[in-house]
Amino acid sequence: MGVVLSDEETPAATRGRIYAAVIEAFRADPDLTHEAVAERAGTSLPALRLRWPAISELLLEALVEGCFPTPRDPGDLGLRDELVTFVSSLVREQALHGDLVAALAARLPVDPDLNRAYRRLVIMPRNEVAKRILGRAVLRGEVDPDVDVDLVFSAVPAYLGYRTVLLDPISDPGAAERLTDRLLLPLLRKCRPL
């Protein structure tokens, strides 16, 4: 059995095998346990617990690494193109991993540790990218600086979450452009803080 002690001592291949085992185990049973992961990954249970005492941290690390990476900052392309790039990554995630999104959505309200880890490892990094996009747009004069950023940038994940719950994924290639043109851009130009 492999020993997992720290990032420095854990080879990337071992970490990748553990992350794959986490995702596989979570798909099989959203009540994820260290035991299920250790068995699937073929690693030591005590070492796994030592490296990741909280199963929620391990789950979110695996999901961010394997399924939900933070969207890259597209750079200074103009507001519409930057938003399309950002939204495209969210739409792609929903199409590829809607089952994991649905499983997370069911767990977040009843698992405070998972909820905290999700906010820290998924929501906050994405919000940082969104704020950089909006900051550039404000400097270019494309949107009002008083726009309610949190409200606007929660619209697309809320819509995608709704589609996930309905088991009706968005799979067409024009979805990111439509969501940008018909939802985000109008909101960014009109939405003021509540």
N, C-alpha and C. Protein backbone atom coordinates (compact mmCIF):
# COMPACT_ATOMS: atom_id res chain seq x y z
N MET A 1 0.83 -1.18 0.00
CA MET A 1 0.00 0.00 0.00
C MET A 1 0.88 1.25 0.00
N GLY A 2 0.47 2.28 -0.74
CA GLY A 2 1.22 3.52 -0.78
C GLY A 2 1.04 4.32 0.50
N VAL A 3 2.00 5.12 0.83
CA VAL A 3 1.93 5.98 2.00
C VAL A 3 1.78 7.41 1.52
N VAL A 4 0.83 8.13 2.10
CA VAL A 4 0.55 9.50 1.71
C VAL A 4 0.75 10.37 2.94
N LEU A 5 1.78 11.21 2.93
CA LEU A 5 2.05 12.02 4.11
C LEU A 5 1.94 13.51 3.86
N SER A 6 2.45 14.02 2.76
CA SER A 6 2.38 15.45 2.49
C SER A 6 2.48 15.66 0.99
N ASP A 7 2.21 16.90 0.57
CA ASP A 7 2.31 17.21 -0.86
C ASP A 7 3.73 16.95 -1.36
N GLU A 8 4.74 17.27 -0.54
CA GLU A 8 6.12 17.08 -0.96
C GLU A 8 6.45 15.59 -1.11
N GLU A 9 5.86 14.74 -0.29
CA GLU A 9 6.18 13.32 -0.29
C GLU A 9 5.23 12.51 -1.16
N THR A 10 4.20 13.12 -1.66
CA THR A 10 3.21 12.40 -2.46
C THR A 10 3.48 12.61 -3.93
N PRO A 11 3.87 11.58 -4.65
CA PRO A 11 4.07 11.75 -6.10
C PRO A 11 2.74 12.11 -6.78
N ALA A 12 2.87 12.85 -7.85
CA ALA A 12 1.68 13.28 -8.59
C ALA A 12 0.83 12.09 -9.04
N ALA A 13 1.48 11.00 -9.41
CA ALA A 13 0.73 9.82 -9.86
C ALA A 13 -0.11 9.23 -8.73
N THR A 14 0.44 9.20 -7.52
CA THR A 14 -0.30 8.68 -6.37
C THR A 14 -1.47 9.59 -6.05
N ARG A 15 -1.22 10.89 -6.05
CA ARG A 15 -2.28 11.85 -5.78
C ARG A 15 -3.36 11.73 -6.85
N GLY A 16 -2.97 11.59 -8.11
CA GLY A 16 -3.95 11.42 -9.19
C GLY A 16 -4.78 10.16 -9.01
N ARG A 17 -4.15 9.07 -8.59
CA ARG A 17 -4.88 7.83 -8.34
C ARG A 17 -5.87 8.01 -7.19
N ILE A 18 -5.45 8.72 -6.15
CA ILE A 18 -6.34 8.98 -5.01
C ILE A 18 -7.50 9.86 -5.44
N TYR A 19 -7.21 10.92 -6.20
CA TYR A 19 -8.28 11.81 -6.66
C TYR A 19 -9.28 11.05 -7.54
N ALA A 20 -8.78 10.20 -8.42
CA ALA A 20 -9.68 9.41 -9.27
C ALA A 20 -10.54 8.48 -8.42
N ALA A 21 -9.95 7.89 -7.38
CA ALA A 21 -10.70 7.02 -6.48
C ALA A 21 -11.77 7.80 -5.72
N VAL A 22 -11.45 9.02 -5.32
CA VAL A 22 -12.42 9.87 -4.62
C VAL A 22 -13.63 10.13 -5.52
N ILE A 23 -13.38 10.53 -6.75
CA ILE A 23 -14.47 10.85 -7.67
C ILE A 23 -15.32 9.61 -7.95
N GLU A 24 -14.66 8.49 -8.17
CA GLU A 24 -15.37 7.23 -8.41
C GLU A 24 -16.22 6.84 -7.19
N ALA A 25 -15.64 6.95 -6.00
CA ALA A 25 -16.37 6.60 -4.78
C ALA A 25 -17.53 7.56 -4.53
N PHE A 26 -17.33 8.84 -4.81
CA PHE A 26 -18.39 9.83 -4.61
C PHE A 26 -19.54 9.60 -5.58
N ARG A 27 -19.20 9.21 -6.80
CA ARG A 27 -20.25 8.89 -7.77
C ARG A 27 -21.07 7.68 -7.30
N ALA A 28 -20.39 6.72 -6.68
CA ALA A 28 -21.08 5.51 -6.21
C ALA A 28 -21.91 5.77 -4.96
N ASP A 29 -21.41 6.67 -4.08
CA ASP A 29 -22.10 6.95 -2.81
C ASP A 29 -21.68 8.32 -2.32
N PRO A 30 -22.59 9.30 -2.37
CA PRO A 30 -22.25 10.66 -1.94
C PRO A 30 -21.86 10.77 -0.45
N ASP A 31 -22.14 9.73 0.34
CA ASP A 31 -21.68 9.71 1.73
C ASP A 31 -20.26 9.15 1.75
N LEU A 32 -19.34 9.90 1.22
CA LEU A 32 -17.96 9.48 1.01
C LEU A 32 -17.26 9.20 2.33
N THR A 33 -16.43 8.16 2.36
CA THR A 33 -15.64 7.84 3.54
C THR A 33 -14.17 7.63 3.16
N HIS A 34 -13.30 7.82 4.14
CA HIS A 34 -11.89 7.54 3.93
C HIS A 34 -11.69 6.07 3.53
N GLU A 35 -12.46 5.20 4.15
CA GLU A 35 -12.33 3.77 3.88
C GLU A 35 -12.61 3.45 2.41
N ALA A 36 -13.66 4.03 1.88
CA ALA A 36 -14.02 3.78 0.48
C ALA A 36 -12.92 4.28 -0.46
N VAL A 37 -12.35 5.44 -0.14
CA VAL A 37 -11.30 5.99 -0.98
C VAL A 37 -10.04 5.15 -0.89
N ALA A 38 -9.64 4.79 0.32
CA ALA A 38 -8.42 3.99 0.50
C ALA A 38 -8.53 2.66 -0.24
N GLU A 39 -9.69 2.04 -0.15
CA GLU A 39 -9.88 0.75 -0.82
C GLU A 39 -9.77 0.92 -2.34
N ARG A 40 -10.44 1.91 -2.89
CA ARG A 40 -10.42 2.11 -4.35
C ARG A 40 -9.05 2.55 -4.84
N ALA A 41 -8.35 3.35 -4.03
CA ALA A 41 -7.05 3.88 -4.46
C ALA A 41 -5.91 2.91 -4.18
N GLY A 42 -6.18 1.91 -3.34
CA GLY A 42 -5.11 0.98 -2.99
C GLY A 42 -4.04 1.64 -2.15
N THR A 43 -4.46 2.51 -1.24
CA THR A 43 -3.51 3.22 -0.39
C THR A 43 -3.82 2.95 1.07
N SER A 44 -2.93 3.31 1.93
CA SER A 44 -3.06 3.09 3.36
C SER A 44 -4.12 4.01 3.96
N LEU A 45 -5.06 3.41 4.69
CA LEU A 45 -6.11 4.21 5.35
C LEU A 45 -5.52 5.17 6.37
N PRO A 46 -4.61 4.74 7.27
CA PRO A 46 -4.04 5.69 8.23
C PRO A 46 -3.28 6.83 7.54
N ALA A 47 -2.56 6.52 6.48
CA ALA A 47 -1.83 7.57 5.76
C ALA A 47 -2.79 8.54 5.10
N LEU A 48 -3.87 8.01 4.52
CA LEU A 48 -4.88 8.86 3.89
C LEU A 48 -5.50 9.79 4.92
N ARG A 49 -5.86 9.25 6.08
CA ARG A 49 -6.44 10.08 7.16
C ARG A 49 -5.45 11.11 7.68
N LEU A 50 -4.17 10.73 7.72
CA LEU A 50 -3.15 11.66 8.18
C LEU A 50 -3.03 12.85 7.23
N ARG A 51 -3.00 12.54 5.93
CA ARG A 51 -2.85 13.61 4.93
C ARG A 51 -4.11 14.44 4.77
N TRP A 52 -5.28 13.80 4.82
CA TRP A 52 -6.57 14.48 4.67
C TRP A 52 -7.48 14.10 5.83
N PRO A 53 -7.34 14.73 6.98
CA PRO A 53 -8.19 14.38 8.13
C PRO A 53 -9.68 14.62 7.84
N ALA A 54 -9.98 15.63 7.03
CA ALA A 54 -11.37 15.93 6.68
C ALA A 54 -11.67 15.38 5.28
N ILE A 55 -12.62 14.48 5.19
CA ILE A 55 -12.97 13.89 3.89
C ILE A 55 -13.50 14.95 2.94
N SER A 56 -14.12 16.01 3.48
CA SER A 56 -14.63 17.09 2.62
C SER A 56 -13.49 17.80 1.90
N GLU A 57 -12.35 17.99 2.58
CA GLU A 57 -11.20 18.63 1.93
C GLU A 57 -10.67 17.75 0.80
N LEU A 58 -10.56 16.46 1.06
CA LEU A 58 -10.10 15.53 0.03
C LEU A 58 -11.05 15.52 -1.16
N LEU A 59 -12.34 15.47 -0.89
CA LEU A 59 -13.33 15.46 -1.97
C LEU A 59 -13.20 16.71 -2.83
N LEU A 60 -13.15 17.88 -2.20
CA LEU A 60 -13.09 19.11 -2.98
C LEU A 60 -11.76 19.25 -3.72
N GLU A 61 -10.66 18.85 -3.11
CA GLU A 61 -9.38 18.87 -3.83
C GLU A 61 -9.47 18.01 -5.09
N ALA A 62 -10.04 16.82 -4.94
CA ALA A 62 -10.15 15.90 -6.08
C ALA A 62 -11.06 16.48 -7.16
N LEU A 63 -12.18 17.07 -6.75
CA LEU A 63 -13.12 17.62 -7.73
C LEU A 63 -12.52 18.83 -8.45
N VAL A 64 -11.82 19.69 -7.71
CA VAL A 64 -11.21 20.86 -8.35
C VAL A 64 -10.11 20.41 -9.31
N GLU A 65 -9.32 19.45 -8.89
CA GLU A 65 -8.23 18.96 -9.75
C GLU A 65 -8.76 18.22 -10.98
N GLY A 66 -9.78 17.38 -10.79
CA GLY A 66 -10.21 16.51 -11.86
C GLY A 66 -11.42 16.96 -12.66
N CYS A 67 -12.29 17.76 -12.06
CA CYS A 67 -13.56 18.07 -12.74
C CYS A 67 -13.92 19.56 -12.77
N PHE A 68 -13.60 20.29 -11.73
CA PHE A 68 -14.03 21.68 -11.59
C PHE A 68 -12.87 22.63 -11.37
N PRO A 69 -11.92 22.67 -12.31
CA PRO A 69 -10.80 23.59 -12.11
C PRO A 69 -11.29 25.04 -12.17
N THR A 70 -10.58 25.90 -11.49
CA THR A 70 -10.93 27.32 -11.55
C THR A 70 -10.76 27.81 -12.97
N PRO A 71 -11.79 28.44 -13.54
CA PRO A 71 -11.65 28.95 -14.91
C PRO A 71 -10.48 29.93 -14.99
N ARG A 72 -9.74 29.85 -16.06
CA ARG A 72 -8.60 30.75 -16.21
C ARG A 72 -9.09 32.17 -16.48
N ASP A 73 -8.28 33.12 -16.10
CA ASP A 73 -8.56 34.52 -16.43
C ASP A 73 -8.26 34.67 -17.92
N PRO A 74 -9.26 35.05 -18.73
CA PRO A 74 -9.03 35.11 -20.18
C PRO A 74 -8.15 36.27 -20.62
N GLY A 75 -7.89 37.21 -19.73
CA GLY A 75 -7.08 38.37 -20.12
C GLY A 75 -7.96 39.45 -20.71
N ASP A 76 -7.36 40.51 -21.15
CA ASP A 76 -8.07 41.70 -21.61
C ASP A 76 -8.56 41.53 -23.06
N LEU A 77 -9.74 40.92 -23.19
CA LEU A 77 -10.32 40.66 -24.51
C LEU A 77 -11.55 41.51 -24.81
N GLY A 78 -11.99 42.28 -23.84
CA GLY A 78 -13.28 42.95 -23.94
C GLY A 78 -14.30 42.15 -23.14
N LEU A 79 -15.27 42.83 -22.57
CA LEU A 79 -16.19 42.19 -21.63
C LEU A 79 -16.88 40.97 -22.20
N ARG A 80 -17.48 41.09 -23.37
CA ARG A 80 -18.24 39.96 -23.92
C ARG A 80 -17.36 38.72 -24.11
N ASP A 81 -16.22 38.89 -24.74
CA ASP A 81 -15.35 37.73 -24.99
C ASP A 81 -14.82 37.12 -23.70
N GLU A 82 -14.52 37.96 -22.72
CA GLU A 82 -14.06 37.45 -21.44
C GLU A 82 -15.16 36.64 -20.75
N LEU A 83 -16.39 37.16 -20.80
CA LEU A 83 -17.51 36.45 -20.19
C LEU A 83 -17.80 35.14 -20.90
N VAL A 84 -17.75 35.14 -22.21
CA VAL A 84 -18.00 33.90 -22.97
C VAL A 84 -16.97 32.85 -22.60
N THR A 85 -15.72 33.24 -22.48
CA THR A 85 -14.66 32.30 -22.09
C THR A 85 -14.94 31.73 -20.70
N PHE A 86 -15.28 32.60 -19.77
CA PHE A 86 -15.55 32.19 -18.39
C PHE A 86 -16.78 31.27 -18.33
N VAL A 87 -17.86 31.67 -18.96
CA VAL A 87 -19.11 30.90 -18.93
C VAL A 87 -18.94 29.57 -19.66
N SER A 88 -18.15 29.55 -20.73
CA SER A 88 -17.92 28.30 -21.46
C SER A 88 -17.38 27.21 -20.55
N SER A 89 -16.48 27.58 -19.66
CA SER A 89 -15.92 26.56 -18.76
C SER A 89 -16.99 26.04 -17.81
N LEU A 90 -17.90 26.88 -17.35
CA LEU A 90 -18.98 26.45 -16.46
C LEU A 90 -19.97 25.54 -17.19
N VAL A 91 -20.30 25.89 -18.41
CA VAL A 91 -21.22 25.08 -19.21
C VAL A 91 -20.60 23.71 -19.49
N ARG A 92 -19.32 23.71 -19.82
CA ARG A 92 -18.61 22.45 -20.09
C ARG A 92 -18.62 21.54 -18.86
N GLU A 93 -18.38 22.11 -17.69
CA GLU A 93 -18.42 21.34 -16.44
C GLU A 93 -19.78 20.69 -16.25
N GLN A 94 -20.84 21.48 -16.47
CA GLN A 94 -22.18 20.96 -16.25
C GLN A 94 -22.49 19.84 -17.23
N ALA A 95 -22.02 19.98 -18.45
CA ALA A 95 -22.28 18.93 -19.44
C ALA A 95 -21.50 17.65 -19.12
N LEU A 96 -20.27 17.80 -18.66
CA LEU A 96 -19.42 16.63 -18.40
C LEU A 96 -19.65 16.00 -17.03
N HIS A 97 -19.98 16.82 -16.04
CA HIS A 97 -20.02 16.34 -14.66
C HIS A 97 -21.30 16.74 -13.92
N GLY A 98 -22.40 16.77 -14.64
CA GLY A 98 -23.68 17.15 -14.02
C GLY A 98 -24.05 16.25 -12.86
N ASP A 99 -23.69 14.97 -12.93
CA ASP A 99 -24.00 14.05 -11.83
C ASP A 99 -23.27 14.46 -10.56
N LEU A 100 -22.03 14.92 -10.69
CA LEU A 100 -21.27 15.36 -9.51
C LEU A 100 -21.82 16.67 -8.96
N VAL A 101 -22.24 17.55 -9.86
CA VAL A 101 -22.86 18.81 -9.43
C VAL A 101 -24.13 18.51 -8.63
N ALA A 102 -24.95 17.60 -9.13
CA ALA A 102 -26.18 17.24 -8.43
C ALA A 102 -25.88 16.61 -7.07
N ALA A 103 -24.88 15.73 -7.01
CA ALA A 103 -24.52 15.09 -5.75
C ALA A 103 -24.00 16.12 -4.76
N LEU A 104 -23.19 17.07 -5.23
CA LEU A 104 -22.71 18.14 -4.35
C LEU A 104 -23.86 19.00 -3.86
N ALA A 105 -24.77 19.35 -4.77
CA ALA A 105 -25.91 20.18 -4.39
C ALA A 105 -26.73 19.53 -3.29
N ALA A 106 -26.84 18.22 -3.32
CA ALA A 106 -27.59 17.51 -2.28
C ALA A 106 -26.83 17.47 -0.96
N ARG A 107 -25.49 17.44 -1.00
CA ARG A 107 -24.68 17.32 0.21
C ARG A 107 -24.39 18.66 0.89
N LEU A 108 -24.27 19.72 0.12
CA LEU A 108 -23.84 21.01 0.69
C LEU A 108 -24.74 21.51 1.83
N PRO A 109 -26.06 21.42 1.72
CA PRO A 109 -26.90 21.94 2.82
C PRO A 109 -26.81 21.12 4.12
N VAL A 110 -26.39 19.87 4.03
CA VAL A 110 -26.39 19.01 5.22
C VAL A 110 -24.98 18.71 5.73
N ASP A 111 -23.96 19.23 5.07
CA ASP A 111 -22.58 18.97 5.47
C ASP A 111 -21.82 20.29 5.57
N PRO A 112 -21.79 20.89 6.78
CA PRO A 112 -21.13 22.19 6.93
C PRO A 112 -19.66 22.20 6.53
N ASP A 113 -18.93 21.11 6.80
CA ASP A 113 -17.52 21.06 6.42
C ASP A 113 -17.37 21.09 4.90
N LEU A 114 -18.20 20.33 4.22
CA LEU A 114 -18.16 20.31 2.76
C LEU A 114 -18.55 21.68 2.21
N ASN A 115 -19.55 22.30 2.81
CA ASN A 115 -19.99 23.62 2.37
C ASN A 115 -18.86 24.63 2.50
N ARG A 116 -18.15 24.62 3.63
CA ARG A 116 -17.02 25.54 3.83
C ARG A 116 -15.91 25.26 2.81
N ALA A 117 -15.59 23.98 2.61
CA ALA A 117 -14.55 23.62 1.66
C ALA A 117 -14.95 24.04 0.24
N TYR A 118 -16.21 23.86 -0.11
CA TYR A 118 -16.70 24.23 -1.44
C TYR A 118 -16.57 25.74 -1.66
N ARG A 119 -16.95 26.50 -0.66
CA ARG A 119 -16.83 27.96 -0.79
C ARG A 119 -15.38 28.38 -0.95
N ARG A 120 -14.48 27.77 -0.16
CA ARG A 120 -13.07 28.15 -0.17
C ARG A 120 -12.35 27.68 -1.44
N LEU A 121 -12.62 26.47 -1.89
CA LEU A 121 -11.86 25.89 -3.00
C LEU A 121 -12.51 26.07 -4.38
N VAL A 122 -13.81 26.34 -4.41
CA VAL A 122 -14.50 26.49 -5.70
C VAL A 122 -15.03 27.91 -5.88
N ILE A 123 -15.88 28.34 -4.97
CA ILE A 123 -16.55 29.63 -5.15
C ILE A 123 -15.58 30.82 -5.09
N MET A 124 -14.77 30.89 -4.05
CA MET A 124 -13.89 32.06 -3.89
C MET A 124 -12.90 32.23 -5.05
N PRO A 125 -12.22 31.17 -5.50
CA PRO A 125 -11.31 31.37 -6.65
C PRO A 125 -12.05 31.81 -7.92
N ARG A 126 -13.25 31.30 -8.13
CA ARG A 126 -14.03 31.71 -9.31
C ARG A 126 -14.48 33.16 -9.18
N ASN A 127 -14.85 33.55 -7.98
CA ASN A 127 -15.24 34.94 -7.76
C ASN A 127 -14.07 35.88 -8.03
N GLU A 128 -12.86 35.45 -7.70
CA GLU A 128 -11.69 36.29 -7.97
C GLU A 128 -11.51 36.51 -9.46
N VAL A 129 -11.68 35.47 -10.25
CA VAL A 129 -11.58 35.60 -11.71
C VAL A 129 -12.68 36.54 -12.21
N ALA A 130 -13.90 36.35 -11.72
CA ALA A 130 -15.02 37.20 -12.14
C ALA A 130 -14.78 38.66 -11.78
N LYS A 131 -14.20 38.90 -10.61
CA LYS A 131 -13.92 40.29 -10.20
C LYS A 131 -12.85 40.92 -11.08
N ARG A 132 -11.87 40.14 -11.51
CA ARG A 132 -10.86 40.70 -12.42
C ARG A 132 -11.50 41.06 -13.76
N ILE A 133 -12.39 40.18 -14.25
CA ILE A 133 -13.09 40.47 -15.51
C ILE A 133 -13.90 41.75 -15.37
N LEU A 134 -14.64 41.85 -14.28
CA LEU A 134 -15.46 43.03 -14.07
C LEU A 134 -14.61 44.28 -13.84
N GLY A 135 -13.51 44.14 -13.12
CA GLY A 135 -12.63 45.28 -12.88
C GLY A 135 -12.11 45.88 -14.18
N ARG A 136 -11.71 45.01 -15.10
CA ARG A 136 -11.25 45.51 -16.40
C ARG A 136 -12.40 46.19 -17.15
N ALA A 137 -13.59 45.61 -17.07
CA ALA A 137 -14.75 46.19 -17.77
C ALA A 137 -15.09 47.57 -17.20
N VAL A 138 -14.97 47.73 -15.90
CA VAL A 138 -15.22 49.04 -15.28
C VAL A 138 -14.18 50.05 -15.78
N LEU A 139 -12.92 49.65 -15.81
CA LEU A 139 -11.87 50.55 -16.29
C LEU A 139 -12.06 50.94 -17.75
N ARG A 140 -12.61 50.02 -18.55
CA ARG A 140 -12.87 50.32 -19.96
C ARG A 140 -14.18 51.09 -20.15
N GLY A 141 -14.94 51.26 -19.07
CA GLY A 141 -16.21 51.98 -19.16
C GLY A 141 -17.35 51.13 -19.70
N GLU A 142 -17.20 49.79 -19.69
CA GLU A 142 -18.24 48.91 -20.24
C GLU A 142 -19.37 48.64 -19.26
N VAL A 143 -19.11 48.78 -17.96
CA VAL A 143 -20.15 48.60 -16.95
C VAL A 143 -19.98 49.62 -15.84
N ASP A 144 -21.06 49.87 -15.14
CA ASP A 144 -21.06 50.80 -14.02
C ASP A 144 -20.31 50.17 -12.84
N PRO A 145 -19.48 50.93 -12.14
CA PRO A 145 -18.74 50.37 -11.01
C PRO A 145 -19.63 49.96 -9.83
N ASP A 146 -20.86 50.43 -9.80
CA ASP A 146 -21.77 50.09 -8.70
C ASP A 146 -22.58 48.82 -8.94
N VAL A 147 -22.29 48.11 -10.01
CA VAL A 147 -23.05 46.90 -10.32
C VAL A 147 -22.90 45.89 -9.17
N ASP A 148 -23.95 45.13 -8.91
CA ASP A 148 -23.96 44.11 -7.86
C ASP A 148 -23.29 42.85 -8.41
N VAL A 149 -21.98 42.75 -8.21
CA VAL A 149 -21.17 41.67 -8.78
C VAL A 149 -21.67 40.30 -8.33
N ASP A 150 -21.92 40.15 -7.03
CA ASP A 150 -22.33 38.84 -6.52
C ASP A 150 -23.65 38.39 -7.15
N LEU A 151 -24.59 39.28 -7.29
CA LEU A 151 -25.87 38.93 -7.88
C LEU A 151 -25.71 38.52 -9.34
N VAL A 152 -24.97 39.32 -10.08
CA VAL A 152 -24.80 39.04 -11.51
C VAL A 152 -24.07 37.73 -11.73
N PHE A 153 -22.96 37.54 -11.02
CA PHE A 153 -22.15 36.35 -11.28
C PHE A 153 -22.71 35.09 -10.62
N SER A 154 -23.77 35.20 -9.85
CA SER A 154 -24.44 34.00 -9.35
C SER A 154 -25.53 33.53 -10.31
N ALA A 155 -25.89 34.36 -11.29
CA ALA A 155 -26.99 34.02 -12.20
C ALA A 155 -26.69 32.78 -13.05
N VAL A 156 -25.50 32.70 -13.62
CA VAL A 156 -25.18 31.56 -14.49
C VAL A 156 -25.06 30.27 -13.70
N PRO A 157 -24.29 30.23 -12.58
CA PRO A 157 -24.27 28.98 -11.81
C PRO A 157 -25.66 28.57 -11.30
N ALA A 158 -26.48 29.55 -10.95
CA ALA A 158 -27.84 29.23 -10.50
C ALA A 158 -28.64 28.58 -11.64
N TYR A 159 -28.53 29.14 -12.83
CA TYR A 159 -29.23 28.59 -13.98
C TYR A 159 -28.72 27.19 -14.30
N LEU A 160 -27.40 27.02 -14.30
CA LEU A 160 -26.84 25.70 -14.59
C LEU A 160 -27.21 24.69 -13.51
N GLY A 161 -27.25 25.13 -12.26
CA GLY A 161 -27.67 24.25 -11.17
C GLY A 161 -29.11 23.81 -11.35
N TYR A 162 -29.95 24.73 -11.76
CA TYR A 162 -31.36 24.41 -12.03
C TYR A 162 -31.47 23.35 -13.12
N ARG A 163 -30.70 23.52 -14.19
CA ARG A 163 -30.72 22.54 -15.28
C ARG A 163 -30.19 21.19 -14.81
N THR A 164 -29.21 21.21 -13.92
CA THR A 164 -28.65 19.97 -13.39
C THR A 164 -29.68 19.22 -12.55
N VAL A 165 -30.38 19.96 -11.69
CA VAL A 165 -31.40 19.34 -10.84
C VAL A 165 -32.50 18.71 -11.70
N LEU A 166 -32.82 19.35 -12.80
CA LEU A 166 -33.83 18.82 -13.71
C LEU A 166 -33.30 17.69 -14.60
N LEU A 167 -32.01 17.40 -14.44
CA LEU A 167 -31.34 16.39 -15.28
C LEU A 167 -31.48 16.73 -16.76
N ASP A 168 -31.34 18.01 -17.06
CA ASP A 168 -31.48 18.52 -18.42
C ASP A 168 -30.25 19.36 -18.75
N PRO A 169 -29.10 18.71 -19.00
CA PRO A 169 -27.87 19.47 -19.22
C PRO A 169 -27.90 20.28 -20.50
N ILE A 170 -27.15 21.35 -20.46
CA ILE A 170 -26.97 22.18 -21.66
C ILE A 170 -25.81 21.57 -22.43
N SER A 171 -26.04 21.19 -23.65
CA SER A 171 -24.96 20.55 -24.40
C SER A 171 -24.65 21.23 -25.72
N ASP A 172 -25.43 22.24 -26.11
CA ASP A 172 -25.16 22.84 -27.42
C ASP A 172 -24.02 23.86 -27.33
N PRO A 173 -23.27 24.01 -28.40
CA PRO A 173 -22.09 24.86 -28.38
C PRO A 173 -22.38 26.35 -28.25
N GLY A 174 -23.59 26.79 -28.51
CA GLY A 174 -23.90 28.21 -28.40
C GLY A 174 -24.40 28.65 -27.05
N ALA A 175 -24.43 27.76 -26.08
CA ALA A 175 -25.01 28.08 -24.77
C ALA A 175 -24.26 29.21 -24.06
N ALA A 176 -22.94 29.19 -24.08
CA ALA A 176 -22.18 30.23 -23.37
C ALA A 176 -22.44 31.61 -23.97
N GLU A 177 -22.52 31.68 -25.29
CA GLU A 177 -22.79 32.97 -25.93
C GLU A 177 -24.20 33.46 -25.59
N ARG A 178 -25.18 32.55 -25.62
CA ARG A 178 -26.55 32.96 -25.28
C ARG A 178 -26.66 33.43 -23.84
N LEU A 179 -26.04 32.69 -22.91
CA LEU A 179 -26.09 33.08 -21.50
C LEU A 179 -25.40 34.43 -21.29
N THR A 180 -24.33 34.66 -22.00
CA THR A 180 -23.62 35.94 -21.89
C THR A 180 -24.46 37.07 -22.46
N ASP A 181 -24.97 36.88 -23.68
CA ASP A 181 -25.69 37.96 -24.37
C ASP A 181 -27.07 38.24 -23.78
N ARG A 182 -27.76 37.20 -23.35
CA ARG A 182 -29.15 37.39 -22.92
C ARG A 182 -29.32 37.50 -21.41
N LEU A 183 -28.30 37.10 -20.66
CA LEU A 183 -28.44 37.13 -19.21
C LEU A 183 -27.40 38.05 -18.57
N LEU A 184 -26.12 37.75 -18.76
CA LEU A 184 -25.09 38.50 -18.04
C LEU A 184 -24.94 39.94 -18.51
N LEU A 185 -24.80 40.16 -19.79
CA LEU A 185 -24.58 41.53 -20.26
C LEU A 185 -25.74 42.45 -19.90
N PRO A 186 -27.00 42.05 -20.09
CA PRO A 186 -28.09 42.93 -19.65
C PRO A 186 -28.06 43.19 -18.14
N LEU A 187 -27.74 42.18 -17.35
CA LEU A 187 -27.67 42.37 -15.90
C LEU A 187 -26.53 43.30 -15.52
N LEU A 188 -25.40 43.15 -16.15
CA LEU A 188 -24.25 43.98 -15.82
C LEU A 188 -24.50 45.45 -16.14
N ARG A 189 -25.36 45.70 -17.10
CA ARG A 189 -25.61 47.09 -17.49
C ARG A 189 -26.74 47.72 -16.68
N LYS A 190 -27.54 46.88 -15.98
CA LYS A 190 -28.69 47.43 -15.28
C LYS A 190 -28.69 47.18 -13.78
N CYS A 191 -27.96 46.21 -13.32
CA CYS A 191 -28.08 45.73 -11.94
C CYS A 191 -27.33 46.62 -10.96
N ARG A 192 -28.04 47.18 -10.01
CA ARG A 192 -27.45 47.98 -8.94
C ARG A 192 -27.55 47.21 -7.63
N PRO A 193 -26.71 47.51 -6.65
CA PRO A 193 -26.82 46.80 -5.36
C PRO A 193 -28.21 46.95 -4.78
N LEU A 194 -28.67 45.87 -4.12
CA LEU A 194 -29.99 45.88 -3.48
C LEU A 194 -29.98 46.73 -2.23
